[in-house]
Protein backbone atom coordinates (compact mmCIF):
# COMPACT_ATOMS: atom_id res chain seq x y z
CA UNK A 1 86.90 -30.69 -45.82
CA UNK A 2 85.87 -26.32 -46.57
CA UNK A 3 85.68 -24.09 -44.52
CA UNK A 4 83.90 -21.42 -44.28
CA UNK A 5 85.60 -17.59 -44.12
CA UNK A 6 84.17 -17.07 -40.81
CA UNK A 7 85.25 -20.20 -38.73
CA UNK A 8 89.09 -19.81 -39.75
CA UNK A 9 90.64 -18.39 -37.38
CA UNK A 10 89.01 -20.91 -34.92
CA UNK A 11 90.62 -23.49 -33.57
CA UNK A 12 89.93 -27.21 -34.85
CA UNK A 13 90.60 -30.48 -33.54
CA UNK A 14 91.99 -32.29 -36.14
CA UNK A 15 90.67 -35.91 -35.04
CA UNK A 16 86.93 -34.61 -34.83
CA UNK A 17 86.30 -31.74 -36.91
CA UNK A 18 84.97 -29.39 -33.99
CA UNK A 19 86.00 -25.74 -34.00
CA UNK A 20 86.47 -23.76 -30.77
CA UNK A 21 86.14 -20.90 -30.13
CA UNK A 22 90.11 -20.20 -28.12
CA UNK A 23 92.63 -22.53 -27.31
CA UNK A 24 91.94 -23.55 -23.92
CA UNK A 25 88.52 -24.78 -25.23
CA UNK A 26 90.10 -26.53 -27.64
CA UNK A 27 92.68 -28.10 -25.00
CA UNK A 28 90.33 -29.15 -22.46
CA UNK A 29 88.52 -31.16 -25.43
CA UNK A 30 91.67 -32.62 -25.57
CA UNK A 31 92.22 -33.82 -22.65
CA UNK A 32 89.06 -35.18 -22.15
CA UNK A 33 87.30 -36.55 -25.12
CA UNK A 34 90.32 -37.91 -27.52
CA UNK A 35 93.11 -38.18 -24.31
CA UNK A 36 93.39 -41.89 -25.07
CA UNK A 37 95.23 -40.74 -28.74
CA UNK A 38 97.46 -38.50 -27.06
CA UNK A 39 98.53 -40.82 -24.11
CA UNK A 40 99.79 -43.03 -27.32
CA UNK A 41 101.50 -41.03 -29.11
CA UNK A 42 103.01 -39.40 -26.63
CA UNK A 43 105.01 -41.98 -25.46
CA UNK A 44 106.50 -42.96 -29.51
CA UNK A 45 107.87 -39.39 -29.20
CA UNK A 46 110.36 -40.15 -26.69
CA UNK A 47 112.15 -42.36 -28.64
CA UNK A 48 116.17 -42.81 -29.59
CA UNK A 49 117.93 -42.96 -32.49
CA UNK A 50 118.04 -46.67 -33.90
CA UNK A 51 121.60 -47.97 -34.53
CA UNK A 52 123.01 -46.74 -37.37
CA UNK A 53 120.93 -43.13 -37.75
CA UNK A 54 123.52 -40.86 -39.18
CA UNK A 55 122.93 -36.75 -36.90
CA UNK A 56 123.94 -33.99 -39.21
CA UNK A 57 125.65 -31.05 -38.03
C-alpha cells in the first residue's frame, strides 16, 4: 500500500488501514471497533517462559 506524502504524519490503524487526525482518535477507534483483536492478543502477552528457555544477560 502506497501512502501519499500528505498523510504520512497521520497515525493509521494497522488492522483496517484507516487514517486519523491524531493519536487519540486512533486510540478511540481501536478501543471500540477493533477491541476483540486487542483483547485476544493481550491475553497472549502475559505468557511465562517455556521449560528449557534460556535467559541471556
